[in-house]
């Protein structure tokens, strides 16, 4: 059974930083596109960042120049580095590898 294990969420003040991690088995990670989504209360799930086949990466306009998606192939892990966090970044963040989803990790930005 494939599992995606997320970690790194929490409560942070505006302007702060967090790094989310998502780890899975090597069998699905190798060569896979990876992505992070988020869903705020009362809103639809939206794409935050995506890394496609080791080539291009895309970001939502709202997070460009603040968030960075990266991967460590040796650890079968994808990361989302989030800087200059804003209250509107508050959401449950989900990683996606191929068609598999993580369980979500809560990020709350509040003073």
Protein backbone atom coordinates (compact mmCIF):
# COMPACT_ATOMS: atom_id res chain seq x y z
CA UNK A 1 0.00 0.00 0.00
CA UNK A 2 1.39 3.36 -1.02
CA UNK A 3 1.69 5.96 1.71
CA UNK A 4 2.70 9.60 1.55
CA UNK A 5 3.79 10.91 4.94
CA UNK A 6 3.73 14.66 5.37
CA UNK A 7 5.29 16.72 8.14
CA UNK A 8 6.38 20.26 8.95
CA UNK A 9 3.12 22.11 9.38
CA UNK A 10 2.29 24.26 12.37
CA UNK A 11 1.58 27.73 13.67
CA UNK A 12 3.82 30.56 12.50
CA UNK A 13 3.68 34.34 12.72
CA UNK A 14 3.24 36.47 9.61
CA UNK A 15 6.57 36.89 7.87
CA UNK A 16 7.84 33.58 9.20
CA UNK A 17 8.95 30.44 7.39
CA UNK A 18 8.13 26.74 7.36
CA UNK A 19 9.35 23.76 5.41
CA UNK A 20 6.93 20.97 4.59
CA UNK A 21 8.15 17.46 3.79
CA UNK A 22 6.47 14.56 2.04
CA UNK A 23 8.10 11.13 2.00
CA UNK A 24 7.07 7.99 0.20
CA UNK A 25 8.43 4.75 -1.17
CA UNK A 26 10.94 4.74 -3.97
CA UNK A 27 8.74 2.72 -6.27
CA UNK A 28 6.45 5.64 -7.01
CA UNK A 29 8.88 8.49 -6.46
CA UNK A 30 11.38 7.77 -9.19
CA UNK A 31 10.67 9.86 -12.26
CA UNK A 32 7.39 11.14 -10.88
CA UNK A 33 5.90 14.57 -11.09
CA UNK A 34 5.36 16.01 -7.63
CA UNK A 35 3.15 18.79 -6.40
CA UNK A 36 1.80 20.62 -3.39
CA UNK A 37 -1.82 21.73 -3.09
CA UNK A 38 -3.66 23.55 -0.34
CA UNK A 39 -7.23 23.95 0.80
CA UNK A 40 -8.42 26.76 3.00
CA UNK A 41 -11.71 26.56 4.92
CA UNK A 42 -14.64 27.09 2.60
CA UNK A 43 -12.46 27.10 -0.51
CA UNK A 44 -11.56 24.61 -3.19
CA UNK A 45 -8.25 22.80 -3.22
CA UNK A 46 -5.73 24.72 -5.30
CA UNK A 47 -2.36 23.97 -6.83
CA UNK A 48 0.49 25.72 -5.02
CA UNK A 49 3.58 24.35 -6.76
CA UNK A 50 4.42 21.58 -9.17
CA UNK A 51 7.65 19.99 -10.41
CA UNK A 52 7.21 18.06 -13.63
CA UNK A 53 9.58 15.29 -14.70
CA UNK A 54 12.72 16.96 -13.32
CA UNK A 55 12.21 19.86 -15.70
CA UNK A 56 9.94 22.80 -15.27
CA UNK A 57 8.35 23.96 -12.08
CA UNK A 58 5.23 26.08 -11.79
CA UNK A 59 3.86 28.14 -8.94
CA UNK A 60 0.57 29.80 -8.15
CA UNK A 61 0.85 33.55 -8.64
CA UNK A 62 0.04 34.08 -4.97
CA UNK A 63 3.17 32.21 -3.82
CA UNK A 64 5.73 33.08 -6.52
CA UNK A 65 9.03 34.31 -5.11
CA UNK A 66 8.02 33.13 -1.63
CA UNK A 67 7.62 29.33 -1.95
CA UNK A 68 10.06 26.81 -3.41
CA UNK A 69 9.36 23.18 -4.31
CA UNK A 70 12.29 20.80 -4.31
CA UNK A 71 13.01 17.08 -4.12
CA UNK A 72 15.64 14.77 -2.69
CA UNK A 73 15.64 11.65 -4.80
CA UNK A 74 17.92 9.78 -2.40
CA UNK A 75 15.34 10.25 0.36
CA UNK A 76 12.21 9.90 -1.81
CA UNK A 77 11.10 13.21 -0.39
CA UNK A 78 9.58 16.37 -1.79
CA UNK A 79 9.76 19.65 0.09
CA UNK A 80 7.93 22.95 0.08
CA UNK A 81 9.90 25.82 1.54
CA UNK A 82 7.57 28.66 2.48
CA UNK A 83 8.99 32.11 3.27
CA UNK A 84 7.34 35.42 4.08
CA UNK A 85 4.18 33.66 5.13
CA UNK A 86 0.92 35.58 5.17
CA UNK A 87 -2.36 34.92 6.99
CA UNK A 88 -3.94 34.06 3.64
CA UNK A 89 -1.51 31.14 3.34
CA UNK A 90 -3.40 29.43 6.17
CA UNK A 91 -4.69 26.10 4.85
CA UNK A 92 -4.26 22.36 4.92
CA UNK A 93 -1.39 21.51 2.59
CA UNK A 94 -1.34 18.26 0.62
CA UNK A 95 1.43 16.67 -1.36
CA UNK A 96 0.71 14.71 -4.51
CA UNK A 97 3.04 12.22 -6.17
CA UNK A 98 1.68 10.72 -9.35
CA UNK A 99 -1.98 10.19 -8.44
CA UNK A 100 -1.32 9.56 -4.76
CA UNK A 101 -2.19 12.11 -2.06
CA UNK A 102 -0.78 12.78 1.38
CA UNK A 103 -3.02 13.08 4.42
CA UNK A 104 -2.53 16.84 4.68
CA UNK A 105 -0.73 19.02 7.18
CA UNK A 106 -2.17 22.17 8.74
CA UNK A 107 -0.38 25.48 8.27
CA UNK A 108 -1.69 28.41 10.30
CA UNK A 109 -0.25 31.89 9.88
CA UNK A 110 -1.36 34.14 12.70
CA UNK A 111 -0.02 36.60 15.22
